[in-house]
Protein backbone atom coordinates (compact mmCIF):
# COMPACT_ATOMS: atom_id res chain seq x y z
CA MET A 1 114.22 49.50 105.86
CA ASP A 2 114.24 52.15 103.47
CA ARG A 3 113.31 49.81 100.59
CA ALA A 4 110.34 48.52 102.62
CA ASN A 5 109.33 52.08 103.52
CA TYR A 6 109.41 51.11 107.18
CA ARG A 7 106.52 48.71 106.74
CA CYS A 8 106.15 44.95 106.62
CA GLU A 9 106.77 43.68 103.11
CA ILE A 10 104.04 41.13 103.36
CA CYS A 11 101.04 42.81 105.08
CA GLY A 12 102.08 46.53 105.19
CA ALA A 13 101.98 46.82 108.92
CA ASP A 14 104.36 49.50 110.50
CA GLY A 15 105.63 49.71 114.09
CA VAL A 16 107.93 47.05 115.35
CA LEU A 17 109.60 45.14 112.55
CA GLU A 18 111.82 42.08 112.10
CA CYS A 19 114.60 41.21 109.59
CA TYR A 20 113.77 37.74 108.23
CA GLU A 21 116.44 35.75 106.52
CA ARG A 22 115.61 33.92 103.25
CA TRP A 23 117.40 30.67 102.48
CA PHE A 24 117.68 28.49 99.49
CA TYR A 25 117.84 24.71 100.47
CA ASP A 26 119.78 22.30 98.44
CA ASP A 27 118.04 19.04 99.47
CA ILE A 28 120.65 16.93 97.55
CA ASN A 29 123.91 18.30 98.91
CA HIS A 30 122.33 19.55 102.15
CA VAL A 31 123.60 23.10 101.83
CA GLN A 32 121.41 26.06 103.04
CA LYS A 33 122.30 29.37 101.24
CA LEU A 34 121.39 32.82 102.32
CA VAL A 35 119.73 34.55 99.41
CA GLY A 36 118.04 37.65 100.80
CA TYR A 37 116.06 39.33 103.52
CA GLU A 38 112.54 40.50 104.15
CA ILE A 39 111.39 43.24 106.55
CA VAL A 40 108.30 41.74 108.30
CA CYS A 41 106.11 42.35 111.30
CA PRO A 42 106.04 40.02 114.25
CA SER A 43 102.61 38.67 113.11
CA CYS A 44 103.81 37.67 109.61
CA LEU A 45 107.19 36.26 111.15
CA SER A 46 105.02 33.97 113.43
CA ILE A 47 103.66 32.37 110.11
CA LEU A 48 106.98 32.30 108.30
CA ARG A 49 108.40 30.28 111.44
CA ILE A 50 105.38 28.38 112.02
CA GLU A 51 107.29 25.61 113.76
CA ARG A 52 108.73 27.86 116.39
CA THR A 53 105.35 29.48 116.97
CA MET A 54 104.02 26.01 117.71
CA GLN A 55 106.61 25.46 120.34
CA VAL A 56 106.52 28.93 122.09
CA GLY A 57 102.74 29.58 121.67
CA GLY A 58 100.58 32.05 119.74
CA LEU A 59 99.61 29.65 117.07
CA GLU A 60 95.87 30.49 116.94
CA ARG A 61 96.77 34.27 116.77
CA ALA A 62 99.22 33.58 113.98
CA LEU A 63 96.77 31.43 111.88
CA SER A 64 93.98 34.16 112.39
CA HIS A 65 96.53 36.75 111.01
CA PHE A 66 97.37 34.52 108.01
CA ILE A 67 93.70 34.04 107.05
CA ARG A 68 93.00 37.66 107.32
CA ILE A 69 95.66 38.80 104.90
CA THR A 70 95.36 36.12 102.33
CA GLY A 71 91.61 35.00 102.36
CA PHE A 72 92.59 31.30 102.74
CA THR A 73 89.95 28.93 104.13
CA GLU A 74 90.78 26.85 107.09
CA ASP A 75 91.27 23.82 104.93
CA ASP A 76 93.75 25.73 102.64
CA LEU A 77 95.65 26.75 105.71
CA ARG A 78 95.73 23.16 107.28
CA THR A 79 97.01 21.81 103.88
CA ALA A 80 99.83 24.45 103.62
CA THR A 81 100.80 24.12 107.16
CA GLU A 82 100.93 20.25 107.07
CA LYS A 83 103.15 20.45 103.92
CA ALA A 84 105.56 23.04 105.36
CA LEU A 85 105.94 20.95 108.59
CA THR A 86 106.47 17.76 106.67
CA THR A 87 109.28 19.24 104.60
CA TRP A 88 110.82 20.90 107.78
CA ARG A 89 110.91 17.63 109.61
CA GLU A 90 112.40 15.82 106.55
CA ARG A 91 115.13 18.31 106.41
CA SER A 92 115.80 18.13 110.12
CA ARG A 93 117.04 14.64 109.73
CA TYR A 94 120.26 15.75 108.14
CA GLU A 95 123.29 17.94 109.00
CA TRP A 96 123.28 21.01 106.90
CA ARG A 97 126.18 23.28 105.75
CA VAL A 98 125.56 26.97 105.86
CA ASP A 99 126.70 29.05 102.93
CA VAL A 100 126.76 32.96 103.47
CA THR A 101 129.50 33.57 100.88
CA SER A 102 127.67 35.60 98.45
CA GLU A 103 125.77 38.85 98.74
CA PRO A 104 122.05 38.20 99.44
CA LEU A 105 119.66 39.28 96.84
CA VAL A 106 117.12 42.04 97.66
CA SER A 107 113.62 40.76 98.35
CA SER A 108 110.62 42.16 96.54
CA VAL A 109 107.80 40.26 98.18
CA LYS A 110 104.43 42.00 97.87
CA ALA A 111 101.80 39.35 98.80
CA ALA A 112 101.82 36.90 101.67
CA PRO A 113 103.01 33.40 100.98
CA PRO A 114 101.70 30.21 102.63
CA PRO A 115 103.64 29.04 105.53
CA ARG A 116 107.14 28.31 104.47
CA ALA A 117 109.12 25.09 104.99
CA ARG A 118 112.16 26.18 106.79
CA GLY A 119 115.35 24.22 106.91
CA PRO A 120 116.61 21.84 109.53
CA ALA A 121 115.84 22.35 113.35
CA PRO A 122 117.70 25.27 114.86
CA ARG A 123 121.47 24.70 115.27
CA PRO A 124 124.19 26.92 116.65
CA SER A 125 124.78 28.33 113.12
CA SER A 126 121.28 29.84 112.99
CA ARG A 127 121.05 33.42 113.69
CA PRO A 128 117.81 34.86 115.35
CA ALA A 129 116.07 37.59 113.43
CA SER A 130 117.11 41.11 114.80
CA ARG A 131 114.29 43.12 116.42
CA MET A 132 114.07 46.73 115.22
CA ALA A 133 111.71 49.39 116.25
CA ALA A 134 110.83 51.72 113.45
CA PRO A 135 112.72 54.94 113.80
CA THR A 136 111.00 58.08 114.38
CA LYS A 137 112.73 59.73 111.28
CA LYS A 138 110.76 59.03 108.13
CA PRO A 139 112.60 58.26 104.98
CA LEU A 140 110.39 60.68 102.91
CA PRO A 141 109.34 64.15 103.68
CA THR A 142 105.68 64.62 104.60
CA GLN A 143 103.73 66.35 101.83
CA THR A 144 100.10 67.80 101.75
CA SER A 145 99.87 67.93 98.08
CA PHE A 146 101.54 67.29 94.85
CA SER A 147 103.80 69.96 93.28
CA GLN A 148 102.42 72.49 90.89
CA SER A 149 104.24 70.73 87.94
CA GLU A 150 102.73 67.40 88.83
CA ILE A 151 99.17 69.00 89.27
CA SER A 152 99.50 70.61 85.80
CA PHE A 153 100.37 67.23 84.30
CA LEU A 154 97.41 65.60 85.91
CA LYS A 155 95.08 68.13 84.33
CA THR A 156 96.21 67.15 80.88
CA GLN A 157 95.51 63.43 81.54
CA ARG A 158 92.31 61.45 81.22
CA LEU A 159 93.43 57.80 81.51
CA ALA A 160 95.11 56.05 84.29
CA ARG A 161 95.92 52.34 85.18
CA ILE A 162 94.76 51.01 88.50
CA ALA A 163 96.16 47.90 90.11
CA THR A 164 94.21 46.02 92.89
CA ALA A 165 94.40 42.54 94.40
CA SER A 166 92.10 39.95 95.49
CA SER A 167 91.91 38.45 99.01
CA ARG A 168 94.29 35.56 97.63
CA GLY A 169 96.72 38.15 96.46
CA VAL A 170 95.95 37.84 92.74
CA PRO A 171 96.73 41.04 91.02
CA GLU A 172 94.45 42.86 88.45
CA VAL A 173 95.14 46.00 86.38
CA SER A 174 92.65 48.05 84.44
CA PRO A 175 92.66 51.26 82.41
CA VAL A 176 90.39 53.71 83.98
CA GLY A 177 89.15 57.30 83.54
CA PHE A 178 90.04 59.51 86.48
CA GLU A 179 89.70 63.05 87.92
CA PHE A 180 91.85 64.67 90.64
CA ASP A 181 90.46 67.37 92.85
CA GLY A 182 93.87 68.33 94.48
CA ARG A 183 93.52 65.90 97.21
CA PHE A 184 91.84 62.60 96.05
CA PHE A 185 91.68 60.79 92.80
CA TRP A 186 88.22 59.67 91.78
CA ILE A 187 87.57 56.63 89.62
CA GLY A 188 84.05 55.72 88.42
CA SER A 189 82.36 54.39 85.30
CA HIS A 190 79.87 55.75 82.67
CA ASP A 191 77.88 52.56 83.42
CA GLN A 192 77.38 51.76 87.02
CA SER A 193 76.11 48.10 86.28
CA ILE A 194 79.44 47.45 84.45
CA PHE A 195 81.37 49.13 87.23
CA PHE A 196 79.91 46.79 89.98
CA ARG A 197 80.88 43.62 88.01
CA THR A 198 84.51 44.55 87.42
CA GLN A 199 87.20 42.72 89.33
CA ARG A 200 88.65 45.89 90.71
CA TYR A 201 85.38 46.83 92.23
CA ARG A 202 84.98 43.35 93.88
CA ASN A 203 88.49 43.44 95.24
CA ILE A 204 88.03 46.87 96.87
CA LYS A 205 84.58 46.07 98.24
CA ALA A 206 85.89 42.89 99.80
CA GLY A 207 88.23 45.13 101.77
CA ASN A 208 91.46 44.93 99.84
CA SER A 209 91.72 48.61 99.79
CA ARG A 210 95.56 48.98 98.86
CA ILE A 211 95.97 50.19 95.33
CA SER A 212 98.65 51.52 92.88
CA LEU A 213 97.64 54.12 90.20
CA VAL A 214 99.82 55.02 87.21
CA ILE A 215 99.19 58.00 84.96
CA ASP A 216 101.91 58.35 82.12
CA ASP A 217 102.37 59.44 78.54
CA LEU A 218 105.23 60.17 76.19
CA LYS A 219 106.08 63.86 75.98
CA SER A 220 108.27 63.20 72.83
CA VAL A 221 109.52 60.17 70.90
CA ASP A 222 112.73 61.82 69.55
CA PRO A 223 114.30 62.44 72.01
CA TRP A 224 112.65 59.69 73.99
CA ARG A 225 111.03 61.47 76.98
CA PRO A 226 108.47 59.44 78.92
CA ARG A 227 106.79 61.08 82.00
CA GLY A 228 104.41 59.95 84.50
CA LEU A 229 103.31 59.63 88.06
CA LYS A 230 102.66 56.48 90.16
CA VAL A 231 100.62 56.59 93.42
CA SER A 232 100.44 54.00 96.17
CA GLY A 233 97.45 54.49 98.58
CA THR A 234 94.05 53.30 99.65
CA ALA A 235 90.68 53.25 98.03
CA GLU A 236 87.21 53.36 99.30
CA ILE A 237 83.83 53.10 97.62
CA THR A 238 81.73 56.22 98.19
CA ASP A 239 78.98 58.33 96.42
CA HIS A 240 80.24 61.17 94.25
CA ASP A 241 79.15 63.59 91.50
CA GLY A 242 82.07 63.47 89.01
CA ILE A 243 83.12 63.13 85.45
CA PHE A 244 80.69 60.12 84.94
CA GLY A 245 77.78 61.88 86.86
CA LYS A 246 76.47 60.89 90.02
CA GLY A 247 77.10 57.39 91.38
CA LYS A 248 79.54 55.11 93.09
CA TYR A 249 83.26 56.03 92.64
CA PHE A 250 86.59 54.91 94.19
CA ARG A 251 87.99 57.77 96.32
CA ILE A 252 91.82 57.16 96.35
CA THR A 253 93.84 58.74 99.11
CA PRO A 254 97.57 58.99 98.04
CA ARG A 255 100.13 57.79 100.56
CA VAL A 256 103.34 57.67 98.52
CA SER A 257 103.94 59.04 94.97
CA VAL A 258 106.91 58.76 92.45
CA SER A 259 106.92 60.94 89.39
CA TRP A 260 109.35 61.05 86.48
CA GLY A 261 109.90 63.48 83.60
CA ILE A 262 107.52 66.10 85.03
CA GLU A 263 109.81 67.95 87.55
CA GLU A 264 113.39 69.05 86.96
CA PRO A 265 115.51 66.07 88.16
CA LYS A 266 117.80 66.52 91.16
CA MET A 267 121.44 65.61 91.01
CA GLY A 268 121.76 61.92 90.69
CA ARG A 269 118.17 61.07 90.64
CA TRP A 270 115.68 60.55 87.72
CA SER A 271 112.44 60.69 89.80
CA SER A 272 110.76 62.68 92.62
CA ARG A 273 109.33 60.72 95.52
CA LYS A 274 106.89 62.01 98.16
CA LYS A 275 105.13 60.69 101.38
CA PHE A 276 101.75 62.21 102.12
CA ALA A 277 100.33 63.07 105.60
């Protein structure tokens, strides 16, 4: 749960969460091996276990959720679903041996996959996902601003790299000029006509507002001392009079930040992590 920041690792939803087991299927020897876990919301779980959703109900709601977070067309979704169900039915023809002997790998899923082909039909060895309500205690202290050391660092910087994603989950990273007013990051362009044609602008305008921003440099080469700050948050397009004059800008609201080489490190840690209100 700490790894997932108490959010669904696919769509980012909070609230009630599920622990979804990831399996590798050896279709030759008919062995299913536990390889990891994902923290997911009930809506994403209904897609990952599409065959069960078809049995117990809620299919239409599940498919609508899938289309919303991936941007798939109905034809794309139908093809992916049929492929997953065909694989599942084929695997259900055999007896499978379950292998949980090794420690599962940690999942790092960031974008929603198509419906997955699960293994054979449920057997006594299959374990249902545990249902967990997000605890009231947050894993990170709530902040209202960056530290003075971080703010001083940001004032010395002019370039950042912003990462966005399309409706299909295709990532895009761009170097950009930015300014920070103590609460928001502002990103624009000296040429609005170029700004409107960038992939990052189209991604955010399409409603994919979740972004990551990195500002970093090398304080020294010998000794090697990199420093930087990474922000995860949301972006919206709005009018602003900033470093590039009046025009459209991304206004970025920080949610979580990680910095390194800026503040004095705490014992046993190389970075400083904060969660914003």
